[in-house]
């Protein structure tokens, strides 16, 4: 049964995924968005003035404010984090601090509202599988790069968050679960992301820049598919205490193929150029999602060309002056 009459707290809820999730829940539930607006996909949308939405501007490092905001929550989705390769490389200390201590603060706030809480979903990352992840399952060993490579501070902090969440479940009985998204994209995406960057470059009449040789392999998951999985995780009792890979193994391409595909779909003549990598990259990232399929009945529905067409249309609607580029 879809959630109804619930009080749902979304930390980092003004971001891309949180905003997409809110659209699916807001008519039948009370949504509380807790965000510092570092990345704001919510502002300017129809959701901002919705009577079922409450916005609290705050940081997950503010333990007292998150504790107060969480009171009475039936569901908590912990999306707030420092993310994005460039941001992580620039601020590894803040990455570790926000992702570790912030997650602890959210778990403590959840524990304090145990009487009302039905579910807490902690967002992790596919980066916990390291540089080479081929059809990885949830039970496969996680792998991080060596200490001193700043990129891996993100993966380590998110994996620690998973352990935190599972420990609260094991020891204290808190109804937690974790989700590992694999390269999510779609309308409304802000901040990082190769798909967003390629589309915006074409709309601006610029070259498509690939860092490295473009042979890196990714499985791309359309945001609506991710939200479908998230809703099942929020609703289904079988999800408690579990971790789920969420991605689309049918939408696997190299980064070069992705750029060429977007150029073709947009009928653009932008050049594809290459620049040296200035960080350690992931060579391959493809999930096995049998656990979500078997336990939740979830299946990704949107294949890559369809998802790209929807995403391109969204960006074109918001940049009409560039819509004729091709």
C-alpha atoms as a PDB file:
ATOM      1  CA  UNK A   1       0.000   0.000   0.000  1.00  0.00           C
ATOM      2  CA  UNK A   2       1.332   3.476  -0.839  1.00  0.00           C
ATOM      3  CA  UNK A   3       2.223   5.597   2.153  1.00  0.00           C
ATOM      4  CA  UNK A   4      -0.630   7.767   3.397  1.00  0.00           C
ATOM      5  CA  UNK A   5      -1.001  10.038   6.394  1.00  0.00           C
ATOM      6  CA  UNK A   6       2.672   9.752   7.325  1.00  0.00           C
ATOM      7  CA  UNK A   7       5.180  12.357   8.521  1.00  0.00           C
ATOM      8  CA  UNK A   8       8.233  11.885   6.327  1.00  0.00           C
ATOM      9  CA  UNK A   9      11.511  13.668   7.075  1.00  0.00           C
ATOM     10  CA  UNK A  10      13.966  14.056   4.200  1.00  0.00           C
ATOM     11  CA  UNK A  11      17.424  15.232   5.192  1.00  0.00           C
ATOM     12  CA  UNK A  12      19.020  16.782   2.122  1.00  0.00           C
ATOM     13  CA  UNK A  13      15.488  16.748   0.760  1.00  0.00           C
ATOM     14  CA  UNK A  14      15.899  19.857  -1.416  1.00  0.00           C
ATOM     15  CA  UNK A  15      18.267  17.940  -3.680  1.00  0.00           C
ATOM     16  CA  UNK A  16      17.531  16.112  -6.918  1.00  0.00           C
ATOM     17  CA  UNK A  17      16.409  12.779  -5.479  1.00  0.00           C
ATOM     18  CA  UNK A  18      14.587  14.278  -2.499  1.00  0.00           C
ATOM     19  CA  UNK A  19      12.587  16.610  -4.728  1.00  0.00           C
ATOM     20  CA  UNK A  20      11.622  13.748  -7.050  1.00  0.00           C
ATOM     21  CA  UNK A  21      10.569  11.639  -4.057  1.00  0.00           C
ATOM     22  CA  UNK A  22       8.541  14.500  -2.569  1.00  0.00           C
ATOM     23  CA  UNK A  23       6.452  14.764  -5.733  1.00  0.00           C
ATOM     24  CA  UNK A  24       5.398  11.145  -5.309  1.00  0.00           C
ATOM     25  CA  UNK A  25       4.469  11.475  -1.642  1.00  0.00           C
ATOM     26  CA  UNK A  26       3.315  15.004  -0.961  1.00  0.00           C
ATOM     27  CA  UNK A  27      -0.396  14.789  -1.794  1.00  0.00           C
ATOM     28  CA  UNK A  28      -1.026  12.045   0.777  1.00  0.00           C
ATOM     29  CA  UNK A  29       1.614  12.753   3.438  1.00  0.00           C
ATOM     30  CA  UNK A  30       3.293  15.488   5.451  1.00  0.00           C
ATOM     31  CA  UNK A  31       6.774  16.111   4.048  1.00  0.00           C
ATOM     32  CA  UNK A  32       9.469  17.791   6.123  1.00  0.00           C
ATOM     33  CA  UNK A  33      12.498  18.847   4.095  1.00  0.00           C
ATOM     34  CA  UNK A  34      15.644  19.510   6.138  1.00  0.00           C
ATOM     35  CA  UNK A  35      18.409  21.039   4.018  1.00  0.00           C
ATOM     36  CA  UNK A  36      21.144  23.666   4.021  1.00  0.00           C
ATOM     37  CA  UNK A  37      20.339  24.484   0.362  1.00  0.00           C
ATOM     38  CA  UNK A  38      23.858  23.810  -0.857  1.00  0.00           C
ATOM     39  CA  UNK A  39      22.145  22.126  -3.815  1.00  0.00           C
ATOM     40  CA  UNK A  40      18.600  23.345  -4.296  1.00  0.00           C
ATOM     41  CA  UNK A  41      16.392  21.510  -6.793  1.00  0.00           C
ATOM     42  CA  UNK A  42      13.270  22.288  -4.751  1.00  0.00           C
ATOM     43  CA  UNK A  43      13.189  26.080  -4.899  1.00  0.00           C
ATOM     44  CA  UNK A  44      11.130  27.446  -7.752  1.00  0.00           C
ATOM     45  CA  UNK A  45       9.145  24.226  -8.185  1.00  0.00           C
ATOM     46  CA  UNK A  46       5.447  23.726  -7.522  1.00  0.00           C
ATOM     47  CA  UNK A  47       6.392  21.875  -4.324  1.00  0.00           C
ATOM     48  CA  UNK A  48       7.782  24.942  -2.570  1.00  0.00           C
ATOM     49  CA  UNK A  49       4.337  26.327  -1.763  1.00  0.00           C
ATOM     50  CA  UNK A  50       2.539  23.028  -1.194  1.00  0.00           C
ATOM     51  CA  UNK A  51       0.521  22.995   2.063  1.00  0.00           C
ATOM     52  CA  UNK A  52       1.852  19.518   2.967  1.00  0.00           C
ATOM     53  CA  UNK A  53       5.488  20.606   2.798  1.00  0.00           C
ATOM     54  CA  UNK A  54       7.461  22.097   5.671  1.00  0.00           C
ATOM     55  CA  UNK A  55      10.966  23.354   4.995  1.00  0.00           C
ATOM     56  CA  UNK A  56      13.605  23.602   7.736  1.00  0.00           C
ATOM     57  CA  UNK A  57      16.919  25.154   6.783  1.00  0.00           C
ATOM     58  CA  UNK A  58      19.631  23.438   8.730  1.00  0.00           C
ATOM     59  CA  UNK A  59      22.782  21.343   8.690  1.00  0.00           C
ATOM     60  CA  UNK A  60      22.957  17.713   9.773  1.00  0.00           C
ATOM     61  CA  UNK A  61      25.877  18.714  12.003  1.00  0.00           C
ATOM     62  CA  UNK A  62      23.367  20.667  14.099  1.00  0.00           C
ATOM     63  CA  UNK A  63      22.360  17.826  16.403  1.00  0.00           C
ATOM     64  CA  UNK A  64      19.812  19.827  18.394  1.00  0.00           C
ATOM     65  CA  UNK A  65      17.956  21.105  15.324  1.00  0.00           C
ATOM     66  CA  UNK A  66      17.792  17.729  13.625  1.00  0.00           C
ATOM     67  CA  UNK A  67      16.592  16.180  16.897  1.00  0.00           C
ATOM     68  CA  UNK A  68      13.797  18.751  17.145  1.00  0.00           C
ATOM     69  CA  UNK A  69      12.864  18.430  13.465  1.00  0.00           C
ATOM     70  CA  UNK A  70      12.643  14.632  13.620  1.00  0.00           C
ATOM     71  CA  UNK A  71      10.031  14.575  16.396  1.00  0.00           C
ATOM     72  CA  UNK A  72       6.963  12.636  15.356  1.00  0.00           C
ATOM     73  CA  UNK A  73       8.472  11.377  12.095  1.00  0.00           C
ATOM     74  CA  UNK A  74       7.147   8.042  10.871  1.00  0.00           C
ATOM     75  CA  UNK A  75       9.754   7.757   8.120  1.00  0.00           C
ATOM     76  CA  UNK A  76      13.205   9.304   7.698  1.00  0.00           C
ATOM     77  CA  UNK A  77      15.167   9.294   4.450  1.00  0.00           C
ATOM     78  CA  UNK A  78      18.740  10.389   5.097  1.00  0.00           C
ATOM     79  CA  UNK A  79      19.970  11.912   1.831  1.00  0.00           C
ATOM     80  CA  UNK A  80      22.141  14.723   3.223  1.00  0.00           C
ATOM     81  CA  UNK A  81      25.841  14.269   2.440  1.00  0.00           C
ATOM     82  CA  UNK A  82      28.888  15.823   0.887  1.00  0.00           C
ATOM     83  CA  UNK A  83      29.134  14.282  -2.582  1.00  0.00           C
ATOM     84  CA  UNK A  84      30.653  14.849  -6.021  1.00  0.00           C
ATOM     85  CA  UNK A  85      34.234  13.998  -6.899  1.00  0.00           C
ATOM     86  CA  UNK A  86      35.464  17.597  -7.146  1.00  0.00           C
ATOM     87  CA  UNK A  87      33.840  18.583  -3.847  1.00  0.00           C
ATOM     88  CA  UNK A  88      35.259  15.545  -2.088  1.00  0.00           C
ATOM     89  CA  UNK A  89      38.761  16.207  -3.437  1.00  0.00           C
ATOM     90  CA  UNK A  90      38.587  19.827  -2.280  1.00  0.00           C
ATOM     91  CA  UNK A  91      37.101  19.087   1.154  1.00  0.00           C
ATOM     92  CA  UNK A  92      37.978  15.610   2.428  1.00  0.00           C
ATOM     93  CA  UNK A  93      37.783  16.729   6.072  1.00  0.00           C
ATOM     94  CA  UNK A  94      34.297  18.157   5.661  1.00  0.00           C
ATOM     95  CA  UNK A  95      33.278  15.081   3.653  1.00  0.00           C
ATOM     96  CA  UNK A  96      34.212  12.780   6.499  1.00  0.00           C
ATOM     97  CA  UNK A  97      32.734  15.087   9.133  1.00  0.00           C
ATOM     98  CA  UNK A  98      29.344  15.628   7.487  1.00  0.00           C
ATOM     99  CA  UNK A  99      28.910  12.052   6.309  1.00  0.00           C
ATOM    100  CA  UNK A 100      29.986  10.424   9.572  1.00  0.00           C
ATOM    101  CA  UNK A 101      28.809  12.801  12.291  1.00  0.00           C
ATOM    102  CA  UNK A 102      25.775  13.908  10.296  1.00  0.00           C
ATOM    103  CA  UNK A 103      24.635  10.299   9.934  1.00  0.00           C
ATOM    104  CA  UNK A 104      25.197   9.715  13.650  1.00  0.00           C
ATOM    105  CA  UNK A 105      23.093  12.778  14.469  1.00  0.00           C
ATOM    106  CA  UNK A 106      20.258  11.551  12.248  1.00  0.00           C
ATOM    107  CA  UNK A 107      20.360   8.079  13.798  1.00  0.00           C
ATOM    108  CA  UNK A 108      20.269   9.567  17.288  1.00  0.00           C
ATOM    109  CA  UNK A 109      17.307  11.742  16.302  1.00  0.00           C
ATOM    110  CA  UNK A 110      15.581   8.654  14.897  1.00  0.00           C
ATOM    111  CA  UNK A 111      16.225   6.749  18.103  1.00  0.00           C
ATOM    112  CA  UNK A 112      14.702   9.613  20.103  1.00  0.00           C
ATOM    113  CA  UNK A 113      11.468   9.378  18.099  1.00  0.00           C
ATOM    114  CA  UNK A 114      11.211   5.585  18.233  1.00  0.00           C
ATOM    115  CA  UNK A 115       7.575   5.626  19.311  1.00  0.00           C
ATOM    116  CA  UNK A 116       6.463   7.017  15.949  1.00  0.00           C
ATOM    117  CA  UNK A 117       9.247   5.778  13.650  1.00  0.00           C
ATOM    118  CA  UNK A 118       8.446   3.036  11.150  1.00  0.00           C
ATOM    119  CA  UNK A 119      11.467   3.239   8.850  1.00  0.00           C
ATOM    120  CA  UNK A 120      14.813   4.984   8.340  1.00  0.00           C
ATOM    121  CA  UNK A 121      16.540   4.729   4.964  1.00  0.00           C
ATOM    122  CA  UNK A 122      20.220   5.623   4.855  1.00  0.00           C
ATOM    123  CA  UNK A 123      21.544   6.571   1.427  1.00  0.00           C
ATOM    124  CA  UNK A 124      24.932   5.023   0.763  1.00  0.00           C
ATOM    125  CA  UNK A 125      26.751   4.782  -2.582  1.00  0.00           C
ATOM    126  CA  UNK A 126      27.923   2.325  -5.209  1.00  0.00           C
ATOM    127  CA  UNK A 127      31.416   3.725  -4.602  1.00  0.00           C
ATOM    128  CA  UNK A 128      31.750   1.301  -1.666  1.00  0.00           C
ATOM    129  CA  UNK A 129      32.603  -1.385  -4.238  1.00  0.00           C
ATOM    130  CA  UNK A 130      35.815   0.359  -5.280  1.00  0.00           C
ATOM    131  CA  UNK A 131      37.332   0.814  -8.726  1.00  0.00           C
ATOM    132  CA  UNK A 132      36.097  -2.370 -10.413  1.00  0.00           C
ATOM    133  CA  UNK A 133      32.520  -3.478  -9.702  1.00  0.00           C
ATOM    134  CA  UNK A 134      31.031  -5.984 -12.165  1.00  0.00           C
ATOM    135  CA  UNK A 135      27.496  -7.195 -11.358  1.00  0.00           C
ATOM    136  CA  UNK A 136      28.232  -6.765  -7.677  1.00  0.00           C
ATOM    137  CA  UNK A 137      25.794  -8.113  -5.114  1.00  0.00           C
ATOM    138  CA  UNK A 138      25.107  -6.648  -1.681  1.00  0.00           C
ATOM    139  CA  UNK A 139      27.003  -9.496  -0.005  1.00  0.00           C
ATOM    140  CA  UNK A 140      30.163  -8.929  -2.034  1.00  0.00           C
ATOM    141  CA  UNK A 141      33.118  -7.428  -0.274  1.00  0.00           C
ATOM    142  CA  UNK A 142      33.463  -3.673  -0.356  1.00  0.00           C
ATOM    143  CA  UNK A 143      36.759  -2.140  -1.413  1.00  0.00           C
ATOM    144  CA  UNK A 144      38.315   1.279  -0.996  1.00  0.00           C
ATOM    145  CA  UNK A 145      41.446   2.845  -2.386  1.00  0.00           C
ATOM    146  CA  UNK A 146      44.523   3.501  -0.351  1.00  0.00           C
ATOM    147  CA  UNK A 147      44.661   6.043   2.451  1.00  0.00           C
ATOM    148  CA  UNK A 148      45.827   9.360   1.045  1.00  0.00           C
ATOM    149  CA  UNK A 149      43.683   9.190  -2.102  1.00  0.00           C
ATOM    150  CA  UNK A 150      41.112  11.823  -1.219  1.00  0.00           C
ATOM    151  CA  UNK A 151      38.437  10.408  -3.522  1.00  0.00           C
ATOM    152  CA  UNK A 152      37.898   7.422  -1.248  1.00  0.00           C
ATOM    153  CA  UNK A 153      37.020   9.532   1.781  1.00  0.00           C
ATOM    154  CA  UNK A 154      33.486   9.656   0.351  1.00  0.00           C
ATOM    155  CA  UNK A 155      33.160   5.885  -0.038  1.00  0.00           C
ATOM    156  CA  UNK A 156      34.671   5.225   3.376  1.00  0.00           C
ATOM    157  CA  UNK A 157      32.366   7.731   5.077  1.00  0.00           C
ATOM    158  CA  UNK A 158      29.265   6.286   3.384  1.00  0.00           C
ATOM    159  CA  UNK A 159      30.259   2.712   4.192  1.00  0.00           C
ATOM    160  CA  UNK A 160      30.764   3.757   7.818  1.00  0.00           C
ATOM    161  CA  UNK A 161      27.248   5.221   7.678  1.00  0.00           C
ATOM    162  CA  UNK A 162      25.929   1.826   6.562  1.00  0.00           C
ATOM    163  CA  UNK A 163      27.649   0.172   9.512  1.00  0.00           C
ATOM    164  CA  UNK A 164      26.223   2.848  11.813  1.00  0.00           C
ATOM    165  CA  UNK A 165      22.697   2.265  10.530  1.00  0.00           C
ATOM    166  CA  UNK A 166      22.965  -1.509  10.734  1.00  0.00           C
ATOM    167  CA  UNK A 167      24.403  -1.303  14.243  1.00  0.00           C
ATOM    168  CA  UNK A 168      21.387   0.708  15.398  1.00  0.00           C
ATOM    169  CA  UNK A 169      19.202  -2.033  13.927  1.00  0.00           C
ATOM    170  CA  UNK A 170      21.171  -4.917  15.444  1.00  0.00           C
ATOM    171  CA  UNK A 171      21.698  -3.484  18.897  1.00  0.00           C
ATOM    172  CA  UNK A 172      18.777  -1.124  19.406  1.00  0.00           C
ATOM    173  CA  UNK A 173      16.129  -2.484  17.049  1.00  0.00           C
ATOM    174  CA  UNK A 174      15.857   0.734  15.047  1.00  0.00           C
ATOM    175  CA  UNK A 175      14.067  -0.067  11.733  1.00  0.00           C
ATOM    176  CA  UNK A 176      16.907   0.958   9.429  1.00  0.00           C
ATOM    177  CA  UNK A 177      17.923  -0.056   5.920  1.00  0.00           C
ATOM    178  CA  UNK A 178      20.494   1.180   3.424  1.00  0.00           C
ATOM    179  CA  UNK A 179      20.362   1.912  -0.298  1.00  0.00           C
ATOM    180  CA  UNK A 180      23.296   1.965  -2.709  1.00  0.00           C
ATOM    181  CA  UNK A 181      22.350   3.951  -5.841  1.00  0.00           C
ATOM    182  CA  UNK A 182      24.250   3.379  -9.092  1.00  0.00           C
ATOM    183  CA  UNK A 183      24.668   6.505 -11.251  1.00  0.00           C
ATOM    184  CA  UNK A 184      21.261   8.142 -10.985  1.00  0.00           C
ATOM    185  CA  UNK A 185      20.191  10.734 -13.558  1.00  0.00           C
ATOM    186  CA  UNK A 186      17.067  12.460 -14.805  1.00  0.00           C
ATOM    187  CA  UNK A 187      15.070  15.703 -14.923  1.00  0.00           C
ATOM    188  CA  UNK A 188      15.912  18.094 -12.128  1.00  0.00           C
ATOM    189  CA  UNK A 189      19.488  16.928 -11.578  1.00  0.00           C
ATOM    190  CA  UNK A 190      21.771  19.614 -10.231  1.00  0.00           C
ATOM    191  CA  UNK A 191      25.391  19.594  -9.155  1.00  0.00           C
ATOM    192  CA  UNK A 192      27.558  16.858 -10.640  1.00  0.00           C
ATOM    193  CA  UNK A 193      26.824  14.142 -13.164  1.00  0.00           C
ATOM    194  CA  UNK A 194      28.169  13.361 -16.617  1.00  0.00           C
ATOM    195  CA  UNK A 195      24.733  13.335 -18.255  1.00  0.00           C
ATOM    196  CA  UNK A 196      23.844  16.782 -16.940  1.00  0.00           C
ATOM    197  CA  UNK A 197      27.272  18.101 -17.937  1.00  0.00           C
ATOM    198  CA  UNK A 198      27.036  16.746 -21.497  1.00  0.00           C
ATOM    199  CA  UNK A 199      23.504  18.074 -22.050  1.00  0.00           C
ATOM    200  CA  UNK A 200      24.330  21.511 -20.695  1.00  0.00           C
ATOM    201  CA  UNK A 201      27.496  21.667 -22.813  1.00  0.00           C
ATOM    202  CA  UNK A 202      25.515  20.994 -25.985  1.00  0.00           C
ATOM    203  CA  UNK A 203      22.861  23.547 -25.055  1.00  0.00           C
ATOM    204  CA  UNK A 204      25.641  26.083 -24.525  1.00  0.00           C
ATOM    205  CA  UNK A 205      27.291  25.214 -27.866  1.00  0.00           C
ATOM    206  CA  UNK A 206      30.401  23.850 -26.136  1.00  0.00           C
ATOM    207  CA  UNK A 207      32.521  20.735 -26.562  1.00  0.00           C
ATOM    208  CA  UNK A 208      31.745  17.588 -24.582  1.00  0.00           C
ATOM    209  CA  UNK A 209      34.684  17.095 -22.226  1.00  0.00           C
ATOM    210  CA  UNK A 210      35.604  13.596 -21.087  1.00  0.00           C
ATOM    211  CA  UNK A 211      38.113  13.173 -18.286  1.00  0.00           C
ATOM    212  CA  UNK A 212      40.334  10.204 -19.081  1.00  0.00           C
ATOM    213  CA  UNK A 213      40.026   8.005 -22.171  1.00  0.00           C
ATOM    214  CA  UNK A 214      36.249   7.536 -21.972  1.00  0.00           C
ATOM    215  CA  UNK A 215      36.491   3.770 -21.516  1.00  0.00           C
ATOM    216  CA  UNK A 216      35.066   3.933 -17.980  1.00  0.00           C
ATOM    217  CA  UNK A 217      31.914   1.788 -17.794  1.00  0.00           C
ATOM    218  CA  UNK A 218      28.752   2.857 -15.948  1.00  0.00           C
ATOM    219  CA  UNK A 219      25.213   1.529 -15.475  1.00  0.00           C
ATOM    220  CA  UNK A 220      22.798   4.480 -15.523  1.00  0.00           C
ATOM    221  CA  UNK A 221      19.607   4.462 -13.446  1.00  0.00           C
ATOM    222  CA  UNK A 222      16.721   6.823 -14.220  1.00  0.00           C
ATOM    223  CA  UNK A 223      15.557   8.710 -11.146  1.00  0.00           C
ATOM    224  CA  UNK A 224      11.945   7.472 -11.326  1.00  0.00           C
ATOM    225  CA  UNK A 225      13.186   3.891 -11.122  1.00  0.00           C
ATOM    226  CA  UNK A 226      15.247   4.748  -8.059  1.00  0.00           C
ATOM    227  CA  UNK A 227      12.246   6.413  -6.406  1.00  0.00           C
ATOM    228  CA  UNK A 228      10.083   3.360  -7.192  1.00  0.00           C
ATOM    229  CA  UNK A 229      12.604   1.246  -5.281  1.00  0.00           C
ATOM    230  CA  UNK A 230      12.812   3.755  -2.448  1.00  0.00           C
ATOM    231  CA  UNK A 231       9.041   3.759  -2.002  1.00  0.00           C
ATOM    232  CA  UNK A 232       9.050  -0.035  -1.727  1.00  0.00           C
ATOM    233  CA  UNK A 233      11.866   0.127   0.838  1.00  0.00           C
ATOM    234  CA  UNK A 234       9.847   2.649   2.855  1.00  0.00           C
ATOM    235  CA  UNK A 235       6.692   0.530   2.696  1.00  0.00           C
ATOM    236  CA  UNK A 236       7.737  -3.116   2.832  1.00  0.00           C
ATOM    237  CA  UNK A 237       8.574  -4.741   6.207  1.00  0.00           C
ATOM    238  CA  UNK A 238      10.966  -7.137   4.421  1.00  0.00           C
ATOM    239  CA  UNK A 239      13.304  -4.180   3.805  1.00  0.00           C
ATOM    240  CA  UNK A 240      14.135  -3.582   7.470  1.00  0.00           C
ATOM    241  CA  UNK A 241      17.722  -4.428   8.319  1.00  0.00           C
ATOM    242  CA  UNK A 242      18.701  -4.856   4.663  1.00  0.00           C
ATOM    243  CA  UNK A 243      20.964  -3.085   2.174  1.00  0.00           C
ATOM    244  CA  UNK A 244      19.938  -2.810  -1.470  1.00  0.00           C
ATOM    245  CA  UNK A 245      21.784  -2.131  -4.721  1.00  0.00           C
ATOM    246  CA  UNK A 246      19.562   0.029  -6.924  1.00  0.00           C
ATOM    247  CA  UNK A 247      20.615   0.498 -10.536  1.00  0.00           C
ATOM    248  CA  UNK A 248      19.919  -0.591 -14.091  1.00  0.00           C
ATOM    249  CA  UNK A 249      22.276  -3.191 -15.530  1.00  0.00           C
ATOM    250  CA  UNK A 250      20.525  -2.887 -18.914  1.00  0.00           C
ATOM    251  CA  UNK A 251      21.732   0.705 -19.294  1.00  0.00           C
ATOM    252  CA  UNK A 252      25.470   0.061 -19.408  1.00  0.00           C
ATOM    253  CA  UNK A 253      27.729   2.178 -21.636  1.00  0.00           C
ATOM    254  CA  UNK A 254      31.206   3.628 -21.617  1.00  0.00           C
ATOM    255  CA  UNK A 255      31.485   7.326 -20.842  1.00  0.00           C
ATOM    256  CA  UNK A 256      32.512   7.933 -24.467  1.00  0.00           C
ATOM    257  CA  UNK A 257      29.471   6.037 -25.759  1.00  0.00           C
ATOM    258  CA  UNK A 258      27.291   8.071 -23.402  1.00  0.00           C
ATOM    259  CA  UNK A 259      28.609  11.351 -24.782  1.00  0.00           C
ATOM    260  CA  UNK A 260      28.132  10.148 -28.372  1.00  0.00           C
ATOM    261  CA  UNK A 261      24.603   8.953 -27.600  1.00  0.00           C
ATOM    262  CA  UNK A 262      23.575  12.279 -26.082  1.00  0.00           C
ATOM    263  CA  UNK A 263      25.082  14.131 -29.036  1.00  0.00           C
ATOM    264  CA  UNK A 264      23.082  11.928 -31.411  1.00  0.00           C
ATOM    265  CA  UNK A 265      19.816  12.309 -29.506  1.00  0.00           C
ATOM    266  CA  UNK A 266      20.243  16.094 -29.426  1.00  0.00           C
ATOM    267  CA  UNK A 267      21.279  16.203 -33.104  1.00  0.00           C
ATOM    268  CA  UNK A 268      24.272  18.275 -32.091  1.00  0.00           C
ATOM    269  CA  UNK A 269      27.615  18.810 -33.802  1.00  0.00           C
ATOM    270  CA  UNK A 270      29.612  19.462 -30.620  1.00  0.00           C
ATOM    271  CA  UNK A 271      33.068  17.912 -30.553  1.00  0.00           C
ATOM    272  CA  UNK A 272      34.040  15.294 -27.976  1.00  0.00           C
ATOM    273  CA  UNK A 273      37.345  16.210 -26.353  1.00  0.00           C
ATOM    274  CA  UNK A 274      39.521  14.515 -23.753  1.00  0.00           C
ATOM    275  CA  UNK A 275      41.371  15.838 -20.736  1.00  0.00           C
ATOM    276  CA  UNK A 276      43.715  14.040 -18.351  1.00  0.00           C
ATOM    277  CA  UNK A 277      42.203  12.689 -15.163  1.00  0.00           C
ATOM    278  CA  UNK A 278      43.279  14.533 -12.035  1.00  0.00           C
ATOM    279  CA  UNK A 279      41.860  11.921  -9.658  1.00  0.00           C
ATOM    280  CA  UNK A 280      41.530   8.153  -9.238  1.00  0.00           C
ATOM    281  CA  UNK A 281      38.531   6.977 -11.230  1.00  0.00           C
ATOM    282  CA  UNK A 282      36.220   3.965 -11.130  1.00  0.00           C
ATOM    283  CA  UNK A 283      36.851   1.690 -14.110  1.00  0.00           C
ATOM    284  CA  UNK A 284      33.574  -0.241 -14.028  1.00  0.00           C
ATOM    285  CA  UNK A 285      30.369   0.015 -12.002  1.00  0.00           C
ATOM    286  CA  UNK A 286      27.539  -2.440 -12.780  1.00  0.00           C
ATOM    287  CA  UNK A 287      25.109  -3.709 -10.132  1.00  0.00           C
ATOM    288  CA  UNK A 288      23.343  -6.967  -9.543  1.00  0.00           C
ATOM    289  CA  UNK A 289      19.826  -6.038  -8.327  1.00  0.00           C
ATOM    290  CA  UNK A 290      18.433  -9.536  -7.767  1.00  0.00           C
ATOM    291  CA  UNK A 291      17.909  -8.824  -4.076  1.00  0.00           C
ATOM    292  CA  UNK A 292      15.615  -5.846  -4.749  1.00  0.00           C
ATOM    293  CA  UNK A 293      13.896  -7.825  -7.501  1.00  0.00           C
ATOM    294  CA  UNK A 294      13.274 -10.902  -5.330  1.00  0.00           C
ATOM    295  CA  UNK A 295      12.569  -9.252  -1.974  1.00  0.00           C
ATOM    296  CA  UNK A 296      10.688  -6.146  -3.097  1.00  0.00           C
ATOM    297  CA  UNK A 297       9.410  -7.046  -6.556  1.00  0.00           C
ATOM    298  CA  UNK A 298      11.278  -4.064  -7.997  1.00  0.00           C
ATOM    299  CA  UNK A 299      12.492  -3.856 -11.580  1.00  0.00           C
ATOM    300  CA  UNK A 300      14.007  -0.868 -13.408  1.00  0.00           C
ATOM    301  CA  UNK A 301      11.681   0.144 -16.240  1.00  0.00           C
ATOM    302  CA  UNK A 302      13.292   3.089 -18.023  1.00  0.00           C
ATOM    303  CA  UNK A 303      16.046   2.205 -20.482  1.00  0.00           C
ATOM    304  CA  UNK A 304      18.811   4.613 -21.339  1.00  0.00           C
ATOM    305  CA  UNK A 305      17.611   6.219 -24.581  1.00  0.00           C
ATOM    306  CA  UNK A 306      14.140   6.801 -23.124  1.00  0.00           C
ATOM    307  CA  UNK A 307      15.561   8.274 -19.919  1.00  0.00           C
ATOM    308  CA  UNK A 308      17.991  10.470 -21.831  1.00  0.00           C
ATOM    309  CA  UNK A 309      15.202  11.772 -24.082  1.00  0.00           C
ATOM    310  CA  UNK A 310      13.107  12.726 -21.035  1.00  0.00           C
ATOM    311  CA  UNK A 311      16.100  14.367 -19.377  1.00  0.00           C
ATOM    312  CA  UNK A 312      17.112  16.305 -22.492  1.00  0.00           C
ATOM    313  CA  UNK A 313      13.531  17.562 -22.876  1.00  0.00           C
ATOM    314  CA  UNK A 314      13.539  18.840 -19.290  1.00  0.00           C
ATOM    315  CA  UNK A 315      16.774  20.802 -19.779  1.00  0.00           C
ATOM    316  CA  UNK A 316      15.593  22.202 -23.099  1.00  0.00           C
ATOM    317  CA  UNK A 317      12.368  23.461 -21.522  1.00  0.00           C
ATOM    318  CA  UNK A 318      14.443  25.424 -19.034  1.00  0.00           C
ATOM    319  CA  UNK A 319      16.866  26.832 -21.612  1.00  0.00           C
ATOM    320  CA  UNK A 320      14.561  27.823 -24.487  1.00  0.00           C
ATOM    321  CA  UNK A 321      17.128  30.102 -26.050  1.00  0.00           C
ATOM    322  CA  UNK A 322      19.412  27.128 -26.573  1.00  0.00           C
ATOM    323  CA  UNK A 323      16.698  24.629 -27.478  1.00  0.00           C
ATOM    324  CA  UNK A 324      17.464  24.875 -31.174  1.00  0.00           C
ATOM    325  CA  UNK A 325      21.105  23.875 -30.839  1.00  0.00           C
ATOM    326  CA  UNK A 326      21.828  20.950 -33.110  1.00  0.00           C
END
